[in-house]
Amino acid sequence: MRPVSGREFARLLERKGWTLLRVNGSHHIYGKTGVEARLSVPIHGNEVLKRGLVTHLAKLAGVSLDEN
């Protein structure tokens, strides 16, 4: 898995049908119709997200970082 920033991950979510619901500080909250989960993506400039967080968010969103 390659390193990914919060901004890149947010773009990936939007391409997969997730919509930005609100922004709370530096955290962007995403939701998708038909999915109960809400994803909170920290966006701190181009800072790389930690591997565990990316894995967790990708699993909840049902996306693979290898397919983008």
N, C-alpha and C. Protein backbone atom coordinates (compact mmCIF):
# COMPACT_ATOMS: atom_id res chain seq x y z
N MET A 1 0.84 -1.17 0.00
CA MET A 1 0.00 0.00 0.00
C MET A 1 0.89 1.24 0.00
N ARG A 2 0.62 2.15 -0.92
CA ARG A 2 1.43 3.36 -1.00
C ARG A 2 0.91 4.39 0.00
N PRO A 3 1.77 5.29 0.44
CA PRO A 3 1.31 6.35 1.35
C PRO A 3 0.30 7.26 0.66
N VAL A 4 -0.70 7.68 1.41
CA VAL A 4 -1.76 8.51 0.84
C VAL A 4 -2.10 9.63 1.83
N SER A 5 -2.31 10.83 1.31
CA SER A 5 -2.67 11.96 2.17
C SER A 5 -4.19 11.97 2.37
N GLY A 6 -4.63 12.75 3.33
CA GLY A 6 -6.07 12.87 3.58
C GLY A 6 -6.79 13.45 2.38
N ARG A 7 -6.16 14.41 1.71
CA ARG A 7 -6.76 15.04 0.53
C ARG A 7 -6.94 14.02 -0.59
N GLU A 8 -5.92 13.18 -0.82
CA GLU A 8 -6.01 12.15 -1.86
C GLU A 8 -7.11 11.14 -1.52
N PHE A 9 -7.18 10.75 -0.25
CA PHE A 9 -8.18 9.77 0.17
C PHE A 9 -9.59 10.34 0.01
N ALA A 10 -9.76 11.63 0.30
CA ALA A 10 -11.06 12.27 0.14
C ALA A 10 -11.47 12.27 -1.33
N ARG A 11 -10.53 12.53 -2.24
CA ARG A 11 -10.84 12.50 -3.68
C ARG A 11 -11.26 11.10 -4.11
N LEU A 12 -10.58 10.08 -3.57
CA LEU A 12 -10.93 8.69 -3.89
C LEU A 12 -12.36 8.39 -3.44
N LEU A 13 -12.71 8.82 -2.23
CA LEU A 13 -14.06 8.59 -1.72
C LEU A 13 -15.10 9.26 -2.61
N GLU A 14 -14.82 10.48 -3.04
CA GLU A 14 -15.77 11.19 -3.89
C GLU A 14 -15.95 10.50 -5.24
N ARG A 15 -14.87 9.93 -5.78
CA ARG A 15 -14.97 9.18 -7.04
C ARG A 15 -15.80 7.92 -6.87
N LYS A 16 -15.83 7.37 -5.65
CA LYS A 16 -16.57 6.14 -5.38
C LYS A 16 -18.00 6.41 -4.90
N GLY A 17 -18.48 7.66 -4.99
CA GLY A 17 -19.87 7.95 -4.67
C GLY A 17 -20.13 8.50 -3.28
N TRP A 18 -19.11 8.71 -2.47
CA TRP A 18 -19.29 9.28 -1.14
C TRP A 18 -19.44 10.79 -1.28
N THR A 19 -20.25 11.40 -0.44
CA THR A 19 -20.45 12.84 -0.50
C THR A 19 -20.01 13.49 0.81
N LEU A 20 -19.49 14.69 0.68
CA LEU A 20 -19.06 15.47 1.84
C LEU A 20 -20.30 16.00 2.55
N LEU A 21 -20.48 15.59 3.80
CA LEU A 21 -21.64 16.01 4.58
C LEU A 21 -21.37 17.31 5.33
N ARG A 22 -20.20 17.38 5.95
CA ARG A 22 -19.84 18.58 6.72
C ARG A 22 -18.34 18.58 6.99
N VAL A 23 -17.86 19.71 7.44
CA VAL A 23 -16.46 19.85 7.82
C VAL A 23 -16.43 20.32 9.27
N ASN A 24 -15.70 19.61 10.10
CA ASN A 24 -15.55 19.96 11.50
C ASN A 24 -14.07 20.18 11.76
N GLY A 25 -13.63 21.42 11.66
CA GLY A 25 -12.21 21.72 11.81
C GLY A 25 -11.46 21.20 10.60
N SER A 26 -10.49 20.33 10.83
CA SER A 26 -9.72 19.76 9.72
C SER A 26 -10.21 18.37 9.33
N HIS A 27 -11.34 17.94 9.89
CA HIS A 27 -11.89 16.63 9.59
C HIS A 27 -13.10 16.76 8.66
N HIS A 28 -13.03 16.08 7.54
CA HIS A 28 -14.13 16.09 6.57
C HIS A 28 -14.95 14.83 6.80
N ILE A 29 -16.25 14.99 6.98
CA ILE A 29 -17.14 13.89 7.28
C ILE A 29 -17.87 13.50 5.99
N TYR A 30 -17.73 12.23 5.60
CA TYR A 30 -18.33 11.72 4.37
C TYR A 30 -19.41 10.70 4.68
N GLY A 31 -20.43 10.67 3.84
CA GLY A 31 -21.50 9.69 3.95
C GLY A 31 -21.91 9.22 2.57
N LYS A 32 -22.62 8.11 2.55
CA LYS A 32 -23.09 7.54 1.28
C LYS A 32 -24.47 6.96 1.50
N THR A 33 -25.36 7.19 0.55
CA THR A 33 -26.71 6.66 0.63
C THR A 33 -26.66 5.14 0.69
N GLY A 34 -27.38 4.57 1.64
CA GLY A 34 -27.44 3.13 1.78
C GLY A 34 -26.36 2.55 2.68
N VAL A 35 -25.45 3.39 3.17
CA VAL A 35 -24.37 2.93 4.05
C VAL A 35 -24.52 3.66 5.38
N GLU A 36 -24.56 2.90 6.48
CA GLU A 36 -24.71 3.50 7.80
C GLU A 36 -23.49 4.26 8.25
N ALA A 37 -22.32 3.83 7.83
CA ALA A 37 -21.06 4.40 8.32
C ALA A 37 -20.88 5.84 7.86
N ARG A 38 -20.27 6.62 8.71
CA ARG A 38 -19.81 7.97 8.39
C ARG A 38 -18.30 7.94 8.53
N LEU A 39 -17.61 8.48 7.56
CA LEU A 39 -16.16 8.47 7.57
C LEU A 39 -15.62 9.85 7.90
N SER A 40 -14.72 9.91 8.85
CA SER A 40 -14.08 11.17 9.23
C SER A 40 -12.64 11.12 8.71
N VAL A 41 -12.36 11.94 7.71
CA VAL A 41 -11.04 11.94 7.08
C VAL A 41 -10.29 13.19 7.52
N PRO A 42 -9.19 13.03 8.26
CA PRO A 42 -8.40 14.19 8.66
C PRO A 42 -7.62 14.73 7.47
N ILE A 43 -7.76 16.02 7.23
CA ILE A 43 -7.04 16.65 6.12
C ILE A 43 -6.15 17.73 6.70
N HIS A 44 -4.87 17.42 6.78
CA HIS A 44 -3.87 18.33 7.32
C HIS A 44 -2.86 18.63 6.21
N GLY A 45 -3.26 19.47 5.28
CA GLY A 45 -2.37 19.78 4.15
C GLY A 45 -2.12 18.52 3.34
N ASN A 46 -0.88 18.27 3.03
CA ASN A 46 -0.51 17.06 2.28
C ASN A 46 0.14 16.02 3.18
N GLU A 47 -0.14 16.08 4.47
CA GLU A 47 0.44 15.14 5.42
C GLU A 47 -0.11 13.73 5.17
N VAL A 48 0.78 12.76 5.18
CA VAL A 48 0.41 11.37 4.91
C VAL A 48 -0.34 10.79 6.11
N LEU A 49 -1.43 10.08 5.82
CA LEU A 49 -2.20 9.41 6.86
C LEU A 49 -1.47 8.15 7.30
N LYS A 50 -1.67 7.76 8.55
CA LYS A 50 -1.04 6.54 9.05
C LYS A 50 -1.70 5.32 8.41
N ARG A 51 -0.91 4.29 8.24
CA ARG A 51 -1.34 3.08 7.53
C ARG A 51 -2.59 2.45 8.14
N GLY A 52 -2.64 2.36 9.46
CA GLY A 52 -3.79 1.74 10.12
C GLY A 52 -5.08 2.51 9.89
N LEU A 53 -5.00 3.83 9.91
CA LEU A 53 -6.17 4.66 9.67
C LEU A 53 -6.67 4.49 8.24
N VAL A 54 -5.75 4.50 7.29
CA VAL A 54 -6.13 4.33 5.88
C VAL A 54 -6.77 2.97 5.67
N THR A 55 -6.20 1.93 6.25
CA THR A 55 -6.75 0.58 6.13
C THR A 55 -8.16 0.52 6.71
N HIS A 56 -8.35 1.11 7.88
CA HIS A 56 -9.66 1.11 8.54
C HIS A 56 -10.70 1.86 7.72
N LEU A 57 -10.35 3.07 7.25
CA LEU A 57 -11.30 3.86 6.47
C LEU A 57 -11.64 3.18 5.14
N ALA A 58 -10.63 2.60 4.49
CA ALA A 58 -10.87 1.91 3.22
C ALA A 58 -11.78 0.72 3.40
N LYS A 59 -11.60 -0.01 4.50
CA LYS A 59 -12.45 -1.16 4.77
C LYS A 59 -13.90 -0.73 5.01
N LEU A 60 -14.10 0.33 5.79
CA LEU A 60 -15.45 0.84 6.05
C LEU A 60 -16.10 1.35 4.76
N ALA A 61 -15.30 1.98 3.91
CA ALA A 61 -15.83 2.56 2.67
C ALA A 61 -16.01 1.51 1.58
N GLY A 62 -15.37 0.36 1.73
CA GLY A 62 -15.47 -0.67 0.71
C GLY A 62 -14.67 -0.33 -0.54
N VAL A 63 -13.55 0.36 -0.36
CA VAL A 63 -12.69 0.72 -1.49
C VAL A 63 -11.32 0.09 -1.31
N SER A 64 -10.61 -0.04 -2.41
CA SER A 64 -9.26 -0.56 -2.37
C SER A 64 -8.33 0.50 -2.92
N LEU A 65 -7.23 0.74 -2.24
CA LEU A 65 -6.28 1.74 -2.69
C LEU A 65 -5.49 1.26 -3.89
N ASP A 66 -5.51 -0.04 -4.14
CA ASP A 66 -4.78 -0.60 -5.27
C ASP A 66 -5.51 -0.35 -6.59
N GLU A 67 -6.82 -0.09 -6.52
CA GLU A 67 -7.62 0.02 -7.74
C GLU A 67 -7.72 1.43 -8.29
N ASN A 68 -7.28 2.48 -7.55
CA ASN A 68 -7.43 3.85 -8.04
C ASN A 68 -6.50 4.05 -9.17
